Amino acid sequence: PATSNPWLAGSPTGTVANPINPHNNPDYAGNAN
């Protein structure tokens, strides 16, 4: 999916990527489900 952030690869569920960004809308690591 285009939503796949490489900077969350292998990171535990709940890990945040780009917590500070212009839209205040960070990405999060999920789980298999």
ModelCIF file with pLDDT and N, C-alpha, C, O atoms, coordinates in Angstrom:
data_MODEL
#
_entry.id   MODEL 
#
_entity.id                         1 
_entity.type                       polymer 
_entity.pdbx_number_of_molecules   1 
#
_entity_poly.entity_id                      1 
_entity_poly.type                           'polypeptide(L)' 
_entity_poly.nstd_linkage                   no 
_entity_poly.nstd_monomer                   no 
_entity_poly.pdbx_seq_one_letter_code       PATSNPWLAGSPTGTVANPINPHNNPDYAGNAN 
_entity_poly.pdbx_seq_one_letter_code_can   PATSNPWLAGSPTGTVANPINPHNNPDYAGNAN 
_entity_poly.pdbx_strand_id                 A 
#
loop_
_entity_poly_seq.entity_id 
_entity_poly_seq.num 
_entity_poly_seq.mon_id 
_entity_poly_seq.hetero 
1 1  PRO n 
1 2  ALA n 
1 3  THR n 
1 4  SER n 
1 5  ASN n 
1 6  PRO n 
1 7  TRP n 
1 8  LEU n 
1 9  ALA n 
1 10 GLY n 
1 11 SER n 
1 12 PRO n 
1 13 THR n 
1 14 GLY n 
1 15 THR n 
1 16 VAL n 
1 17 ALA n 
1 18 ASN n 
1 19 PRO n 
1 20 ILE n 
1 21 ASN n 
1 22 PRO n 
1 23 HIS n 
1 24 ASN n 
1 25 ASN n 
1 26 PRO n 
1 27 ASP n 
1 28 TYR n 
1 29 ALA n 
1 30 GLY n 
1 31 ASN n 
1 32 ALA n 
1 33 ASN n 
#
_struct_asym.id          A 
_struct_asym.entity_id   1 
#
loop_
_ma_qa_metric.id 
_ma_qa_metric.mode 
_ma_qa_metric.name 
_ma_qa_metric.software_group_id 
_ma_qa_metric.type 
1 global pLDDT . pLDDT 
2 local  pLDDT . pLDDT 
#
_ma_qa_metric_global.metric_id      1 
_ma_qa_metric_global.metric_value   94.61 
_ma_qa_metric_global.model_id       1 
_ma_qa_metric_global.ordinal_id     1 
#
loop_
_ma_qa_metric_local.label_asym_id 
_ma_qa_metric_local.label_comp_id 
_ma_qa_metric_local.label_seq_id 
_ma_qa_metric_local.metric_id 
_ma_qa_metric_local.metric_value 
_ma_qa_metric_local.model_id 
_ma_qa_metric_local.ordinal_id 
A PRO 1  2 96.00 1 1  
A ALA 2  2 97.00 1 2  
A THR 3  2 97.00 1 3  
A SER 4  2 97.00 1 4  
A ASN 5  2 98.00 1 5  
A PRO 6  2 98.00 1 6  
A TRP 7  2 98.00 1 7  
A LEU 8  2 97.00 1 8  
A ALA 9  2 96.00 1 9  
A GLY 10 2 95.00 1 10 
A SER 11 2 95.00 1 11 
A PRO 12 2 95.00 1 12 
A THR 13 2 95.00 1 13 
A GLY 14 2 95.00 1 14 
A THR 15 2 96.00 1 15 
A VAL 16 2 96.00 1 16 
A ALA 17 2 97.00 1 17 
A ASN 18 2 96.00 1 18 
A PRO 19 2 94.00 1 19 
A ILE 20 2 93.00 1 20 
A ASN 21 2 94.00 1 21 
A PRO 22 2 94.00 1 22 
A HIS 23 2 93.00 1 23 
A ASN 24 2 93.00 1 24 
A ASN 25 2 94.00 1 25 
A PRO 26 2 96.00 1 26 
A ASP 27 2 96.00 1 27 
A TYR 28 2 97.00 1 28 
A ALA 29 2 96.00 1 29 
A GLY 30 2 95.00 1 30 
A ASN 31 2 88.00 1 31 
A ALA 32 2 81.00 1 32 
A ASN 33 2 84.00 1 33 
#
loop_
_atom_site.group_PDB 
_atom_site.id 
_atom_site.type_symbol 
_atom_site.label_atom_id 
_atom_site.label_alt_id 
_atom_site.label_comp_id 
_atom_site.label_asym_id 
_atom_site.label_entity_id 
_atom_site.label_seq_id 
_atom_site.pdbx_PDB_ins_code 
_atom_site.Cartn_x 
_atom_site.Cartn_y 
_atom_site.Cartn_z 
_atom_site.occupancy 
_atom_site.B_iso_or_equiv 
_atom_site.pdbx_formal_charge 
_atom_site.auth_seq_id 
_atom_site.auth_comp_id 
_atom_site.auth_asym_id 
_atom_site.auth_atom_id 
_atom_site.pdbx_PDB_model_num 
ATOM 1   N N  . PRO A 1 1  ? 0.829  -1.202 0.000  1.00 96.00 ? 1  PRO A N  1 
ATOM 2   C CA . PRO A 1 1  ? 0.000  0.000  0.000  1.00 96.00 ? 1  PRO A CA 1 
ATOM 3   C C  . PRO A 1 1  ? 0.874  1.266  0.000  1.00 96.00 ? 1  PRO A C  1 
ATOM 4   O O  . PRO A 1 1  ? 1.974  1.266  0.553  1.00 96.00 ? 1  PRO A O  1 
ATOM 5   N N  . ALA A 1 2  ? 0.377  2.334  -0.620 1.00 97.00 ? 2  ALA A N  1 
ATOM 6   C CA . ALA A 1 2  ? 1.126  3.588  -0.657 1.00 97.00 ? 2  ALA A CA 1 
ATOM 7   C C  . ALA A 1 2  ? 1.291  4.206  0.723  1.00 97.00 ? 2  ALA A C  1 
ATOM 8   O O  . ALA A 1 2  ? 2.071  5.142  0.899  1.00 97.00 ? 2  ALA A O  1 
ATOM 9   N N  . THR A 1 3  ? 0.560  3.683  1.703  1.00 97.00 ? 3  THR A N  1 
ATOM 10  C CA . THR A 1 3  ? 0.646  4.174  3.080  1.00 97.00 ? 3  THR A CA 1 
ATOM 11  C C  . THR A 1 3  ? 1.796  3.527  3.867  1.00 97.00 ? 3  THR A C  1 
ATOM 12  O O  . THR A 1 3  ? 1.941  3.778  5.064  1.00 97.00 ? 3  THR A O  1 
ATOM 13  N N  . SER A 1 4  ? 2.615  2.694  3.203  1.00 97.00 ? 4  SER A N  1 
ATOM 14  C CA . SER A 1 4  ? 3.668  1.938  3.886  1.00 97.00 ? 4  SER A CA 1 
ATOM 15  C C  . SER A 1 4  ? 4.911  2.792  4.118  1.00 97.00 ? 4  SER A C  1 
ATOM 16  O O  . SER A 1 4  ? 5.633  3.116  3.176  1.00 97.00 ? 4  SER A O  1 
ATOM 17  N N  . ASN A 1 5  ? 5.155  3.153  5.375  1.00 98.00 ? 5  ASN A N  1 
ATOM 18  C CA . ASN A 1 5  ? 6.251  4.058  5.749  1.00 98.00 ? 5  ASN A CA 1 
ATOM 19  C C  . ASN A 1 5  ? 7.506  3.253  6.111  1.00 98.00 ? 5  ASN A C  1 
ATOM 20  O O  . ASN A 1 5  ? 7.503  2.547  7.120  1.00 98.00 ? 5  ASN A O  1 
ATOM 21  N N  . PRO A 1 6  ? 8.583  3.342  5.309  1.00 98.00 ? 6  PRO A N  1 
ATOM 22  C CA . PRO A 1 6  ? 9.793  2.555  5.598  1.00 98.00 ? 6  PRO A CA 1 
ATOM 23  C C  . PRO A 1 6  ? 10.392 2.852  6.973  1.00 98.00 ? 6  PRO A C  1 
ATOM 24  O O  . PRO A 1 6  ? 11.069 1.998  7.547  1.00 98.00 ? 6  PRO A O  1 
ATOM 25  N N  . TRP A 1 7  ? 10.151 4.053  7.507  1.00 98.00 ? 7  TRP A N  1 
ATOM 26  C CA . TRP A 1 7  ? 10.737 4.437  8.793  1.00 98.00 ? 7  TRP A CA 1 
ATOM 27  C C  . TRP A 1 7  ? 9.978  3.837  9.978  1.00 98.00 ? 7  TRP A C  1 
ATOM 28  O O  . TRP A 1 7  ? 10.311 4.091  11.135 1.00 98.00 ? 7  TRP A O  1 
ATOM 29  N N  . LEU A 1 8  ? 8.948  3.035  9.670  1.00 97.00 ? 8  LEU A N  1 
ATOM 30  C CA . LEU A 1 8  ? 8.269  2.243  10.702 1.00 97.00 ? 8  LEU A CA 1 
ATOM 31  C C  . LEU A 1 8  ? 8.570  0.747  10.551 1.00 97.00 ? 8  LEU A C  1 
ATOM 32  O O  . LEU A 1 8  ? 8.018  -0.077 11.280 1.00 97.00 ? 8  LEU A O  1 
ATOM 33  N N  . ALA A 1 9  ? 9.443  0.401  9.607  1.00 96.00 ? 9  ALA A N  1 
ATOM 34  C CA . ALA A 1 9  ? 9.768  -1.007 9.367  1.00 96.00 ? 9  ALA A CA 1 
ATOM 35  C C  . ALA A 1 9  ? 10.324 -1.654 10.638 1.00 96.00 ? 9  ALA A C  1 
ATOM 36  O O  . ALA A 1 9  ? 11.262 -1.147 11.253 1.00 96.00 ? 9  ALA A O  1 
ATOM 37  N N  . GLY A 1 10 ? 9.728  -2.775 11.013 1.00 95.00 ? 10 GLY A N  1 
ATOM 38  C CA . GLY A 1 10 ? 10.218 -3.541 12.145 1.00 95.00 ? 10 GLY A CA 1 
ATOM 39  C C  . GLY A 1 10 ? 10.025 -2.902 13.498 1.00 95.00 ? 10 GLY A C  1 
ATOM 40  O O  . GLY A 1 10 ? 10.490 -3.435 14.506 1.00 95.00 ? 10 GLY A O  1 
ATOM 41  N N  . SER A 1 11 ? 9.348  -1.769 13.543 1.00 95.00 ? 11 SER A N  1 
ATOM 42  C CA . SER A 1 11 ? 9.172  -1.051 14.806 1.00 95.00 ? 11 SER A CA 1 
ATOM 43  C C  . SER A 1 11 ? 7.968  -1.586 15.578 1.00 95.00 ? 11 SER A C  1 
ATOM 44  O O  . SER A 1 11 ? 6.983  -2.007 14.971 1.00 95.00 ? 11 SER A O  1 
ATOM 45  N N  . PRO A 1 12 ? 8.037  -1.575 16.916 1.00 95.00 ? 12 PRO A N  1 
ATOM 46  C CA . PRO A 1 12 ? 6.927  -2.095 17.724 1.00 95.00 ? 12 PRO A CA 1 
ATOM 47  C C  . PRO A 1 12 ? 5.636  -1.318 17.500 1.00 95.00 ? 12 PRO A C  1 
ATOM 48  O O  . PRO A 1 12 ? 5.662  -0.131 17.175 1.00 95.00 ? 12 PRO A O  1 
ATOM 49  N N  . THR A 1 13 ? 4.508  -2.001 17.676 1.00 95.00 ? 13 THR A N  1 
ATOM 50  C CA . THR A 1 13 ? 3.187  -1.379 17.556 1.00 95.00 ? 13 THR A CA 1 
ATOM 51  C C  . THR A 1 13 ? 3.130  -0.096 18.387 1.00 95.00 ? 13 THR A C  1 
ATOM 52  O O  . THR A 1 13 ? 3.547  -0.073 19.545 1.00 95.00 ? 13 THR A O  1 
ATOM 53  N N  . GLY A 1 14 ? 2.605  0.974  17.773 1.00 95.00 ? 14 GLY A N  1 
ATOM 54  C CA . GLY A 1 14 ? 2.483  2.250  18.469 1.00 95.00 ? 14 GLY A CA 1 
ATOM 55  C C  . GLY A 1 14 ? 3.639  3.205  18.255 1.00 95.00 ? 14 GLY A C  1 
ATOM 56  O O  . GLY A 1 14 ? 3.551  4.377  18.621 1.00 95.00 ? 14 GLY A O  1 
ATOM 57  N N  . THR A 1 15 ? 4.747  2.709  17.653 1.00 96.00 ? 15 THR A N  1 
ATOM 58  C CA . THR A 1 15 ? 5.867  3.597  17.341 1.00 96.00 ? 15 THR A CA 1 
ATOM 59  C C  . THR A 1 15 ? 5.386  4.717  16.429 1.00 96.00 ? 15 THR A C  1 
ATOM 60  O O  . THR A 1 15 ? 4.606  4.479  15.507 1.00 96.00 ? 15 THR A O  1 
ATOM 61  N N  . VAL A 1 16 ? 5.848  5.934  16.685 1.00 96.00 ? 16 VAL A N  1 
ATOM 62  C CA . VAL A 1 16 ? 5.423  7.108  15.917 1.00 96.00 ? 16 VAL A CA 1 
ATOM 63  C C  . VAL A 1 16 ? 6.504  7.487  14.911 1.00 96.00 ? 16 VAL A C  1 
ATOM 64  O O  . VAL A 1 16 ? 7.695  7.399  15.209 1.00 96.00 ? 16 VAL A O  1 
ATOM 65  N N  . ALA A 1 17 ? 6.086  7.907  13.722 1.00 97.00 ? 17 ALA A N  1 
ATOM 66  C CA . ALA A 1 17 ? 7.005  8.455  12.719 1.00 97.00 ? 17 ALA A CA 1 
ATOM 67  C C  . ALA A 1 17 ? 6.609  9.898  12.422 1.00 97.00 ? 17 ALA A C  1 
ATOM 68  O O  . ALA A 1 17 ? 5.426  10.218 12.306 1.00 97.00 ? 17 ALA A O  1 
ATOM 69  N N  . ASN A 1 18 ? 7.616  10.764 12.301 1.00 96.00 ? 18 ASN A N  1 
ATOM 70  C CA . ASN A 1 18 ? 7.386  12.187 12.063 1.00 96.00 ? 18 ASN A CA 1 
ATOM 71  C C  . ASN A 1 18 ? 6.345  12.768 13.013 1.00 96.00 ? 18 ASN A C  1 
ATOM 72  O O  . ASN A 1 18 ? 5.323  13.290 12.568 1.00 96.00 ? 18 ASN A O  1 
ATOM 73  N N  . PRO A 1 19 ? 6.600  12.680 14.337 1.00 94.00 ? 19 PRO A N  1 
ATOM 74  C CA . PRO A 1 19 ? 5.623  13.198 15.302 1.00 94.00 ? 19 PRO A CA 1 
ATOM 75  C C  . PRO A 1 19 ? 5.355  14.694 15.152 1.00 94.00 ? 19 PRO A C  1 
ATOM 76  O O  . PRO A 1 19 ? 4.278  15.180 15.499 1.00 94.00 ? 19 PRO A O  1 
ATOM 77  N N  . ILE A 1 20 ? 6.353  15.423 14.630 1.00 93.00 ? 20 ILE A N  1 
ATOM 78  C CA . ILE A 1 20 ? 6.170  16.860 14.397 1.00 93.00 ? 20 ILE A CA 1 
ATOM 79  C C  . ILE A 1 20 ? 6.182  17.091 12.896 1.00 93.00 ? 20 ILE A C  1 
ATOM 80  O O  . ILE A 1 20 ? 7.220  16.939 12.252 1.00 93.00 ? 20 ILE A O  1 
ATOM 81  N N  . ASN A 1 21 ? 5.037  17.457 12.334 1.00 94.00 ? 21 ASN A N  1 
ATOM 82  C CA . ASN A 1 21 ? 4.970  17.741 10.895 1.00 94.00 ? 21 ASN A CA 1 
ATOM 83  C C  . ASN A 1 21 ? 3.928  18.824 10.643 1.00 94.00 ? 21 ASN A C  1 
ATOM 84  O O  . ASN A 1 21 ? 3.098  19.110 11.505 1.00 94.00 ? 21 ASN A O  1 
ATOM 85  N N  . PRO A 1 22 ? 3.977  19.429 9.449  1.00 94.00 ? 22 PRO A N  1 
ATOM 86  C CA . PRO A 1 22 ? 3.110  20.599 9.195  1.00 94.00 ? 22 PRO A CA 1 
ATOM 87  C C  . PRO A 1 22 ? 1.616  20.341 9.370  1.00 94.00 ? 22 PRO A C  1 
ATOM 88  O O  . PRO A 1 22 ? 0.863  21.276 9.639  1.00 94.00 ? 22 PRO A O  1 
ATOM 89  N N  . HIS A 1 23 ? 1.174  19.099 9.224  1.00 93.00 ? 23 HIS A N  1 
ATOM 90  C CA . HIS A 1 23 ? -0.252 18.810 9.351  1.00 93.00 ? 23 HIS A CA 1 
ATOM 91  C C  . HIS A 1 23 ? -0.608 18.198 10.699 1.00 93.00 ? 23 HIS A C  1 
ATOM 92  O O  . HIS A 1 23 ? -1.760 17.837 10.937 1.00 93.00 ? 23 HIS A O  1 
ATOM 93  N N  . ASN A 1 24 ? 0.400  18.080 11.597 1.00 93.00 ? 24 ASN A N  1 
ATOM 94  C CA . ASN A 1 24 ? 0.170  17.476 12.915 1.00 93.00 ? 24 ASN A CA 1 
ATOM 95  C C  . ASN A 1 24 ? -0.545 16.134 12.790 1.00 93.00 ? 24 ASN A C  1 
ATOM 96  O O  . ASN A 1 24 ? -1.466 15.832 13.549 1.00 93.00 ? 24 ASN A O  1 
ATOM 97  N N  . ASN A 1 25 ? -0.110 15.344 11.827 1.00 94.00 ? 25 ASN A N  1 
ATOM 98  C CA . ASN A 1 25 ? -0.765 14.073 11.524 1.00 94.00 ? 25 ASN A CA 1 
ATOM 99  C C  . ASN A 1 25 ? 0.295  12.991 11.337 1.00 94.00 ? 25 ASN A C  1 
ATOM 100 O O  . ASN A 1 25 ? 0.602  12.616 10.205 1.00 94.00 ? 25 ASN A O  1 
ATOM 101 N N  . PRO A 1 26 ? 0.865  12.478 12.449 1.00 96.00 ? 26 PRO A N  1 
ATOM 102 C CA . PRO A 1 26 ? 1.956  11.510 12.332 1.00 96.00 ? 26 PRO A CA 1 
ATOM 103 C C  . PRO A 1 26 ? 1.483  10.130 11.882 1.00 96.00 ? 26 PRO A C  1 
ATOM 104 O O  . PRO A 1 26 ? 0.285  9.848  11.839 1.00 96.00 ? 26 PRO A O  1 
ATOM 105 N N  . ASP A 1 27 ? 2.445  9.283  11.551 1.00 96.00 ? 27 ASP A N  1 
ATOM 106 C CA . ASP A 1 27 ? 2.169  7.896  11.203 1.00 96.00 ? 27 ASP A CA 1 
ATOM 107 C C  . ASP A 1 27 ? 2.493  7.006  12.402 1.00 96.00 ? 27 ASP A C  1 
ATOM 108 O O  . ASP A 1 27 ? 3.285  7.371  13.270 1.00 96.00 ? 27 ASP A O  1 
ATOM 109 N N  . TYR A 1 28 ? 1.869  5.844  12.428 1.00 97.00 ? 28 TYR A N  1 
ATOM 110 C CA . TYR A 1 28 ? 2.059  4.912  13.541 1.00 97.00 ? 28 TYR A CA 1 
ATOM 111 C C  . TYR A 1 28 ? 2.329  3.498  13.028 1.00 97.00 ? 28 TYR A C  1 
ATOM 112 O O  . TYR A 1 28 ? 1.827  3.095  11.979 1.00 97.00 ? 28 TYR A O  1 
ATOM 113 N N  . ALA A 1 29 ? 3.127  2.761  13.786 1.00 96.00 ? 29 ALA A N  1 
ATOM 114 C CA . ALA A 1 29 ? 3.331  1.338  13.495 1.00 96.00 ? 29 ALA A CA 1 
ATOM 115 C C  . ALA A 1 29 ? 2.131  0.560  13.998 1.00 96.00 ? 29 ALA A C  1 
ATOM 116 O O  . ALA A 1 29 ? 1.629  0.808  15.094 1.00 96.00 ? 29 ALA A O  1 
ATOM 117 N N  . GLY A 1 30 ? 1.677  -0.384 13.188 1.00 95.00 ? 30 GLY A N  1 
ATOM 118 C CA . GLY A 1 30 ? 0.550  -1.222 13.560 1.00 95.00 ? 30 GLY A CA 1 
ATOM 119 C C  . GLY A 1 30 ? 0.995  -2.637 13.862 1.00 95.00 ? 30 GLY A C  1 
ATOM 120 O O  . GLY A 1 30 ? 2.145  -2.882 14.228 1.00 95.00 ? 30 GLY A O  1 
ATOM 121 N N  . ASN A 1 31 ? 0.060  -3.568 13.702 1.00 88.00 ? 31 ASN A N  1 
ATOM 122 C CA . ASN A 1 31 ? 0.363  -4.982 13.902 1.00 88.00 ? 31 ASN A CA 1 
ATOM 123 C C  . ASN A 1 31 ? -0.236 -5.787 12.754 1.00 88.00 ? 31 ASN A C  1 
ATOM 124 O O  . ASN A 1 31 ? -0.776 -5.218 11.805 1.00 88.00 ? 31 ASN A O  1 
ATOM 125 N N  . ALA A 1 32 ? -0.140 -7.114 12.842 1.00 81.00 ? 32 ALA A N  1 
ATOM 126 C CA . ALA A 1 32 ? -0.587 -7.968 11.735 1.00 81.00 ? 32 ALA A CA 1 
ATOM 127 C C  . ALA A 1 32 ? -2.070 -7.772 11.425 1.00 81.00 ? 32 ALA A C  1 
ATOM 128 O O  . ALA A 1 32 ? -2.468 -7.826 10.261 1.00 81.00 ? 32 ALA A O  1 
ATOM 129 N N  . ASN A 1 33 ? -2.886 -7.545 12.445 1.00 84.00 ? 33 ASN A N  1 
ATOM 130 C CA . ASN A 1 33 ? -4.322 -7.394 12.238 1.00 84.00 ? 33 ASN A CA 1 
ATOM 131 C C  . ASN A 1 33 ? -4.693 -6.011 11.719 1.00 84.00 ? 33 ASN A C  1 
ATOM 132 O O  . ASN A 1 33 ? -5.870 -5.731 11.495 1.00 84.00 ? 33 ASN A O  1 
#
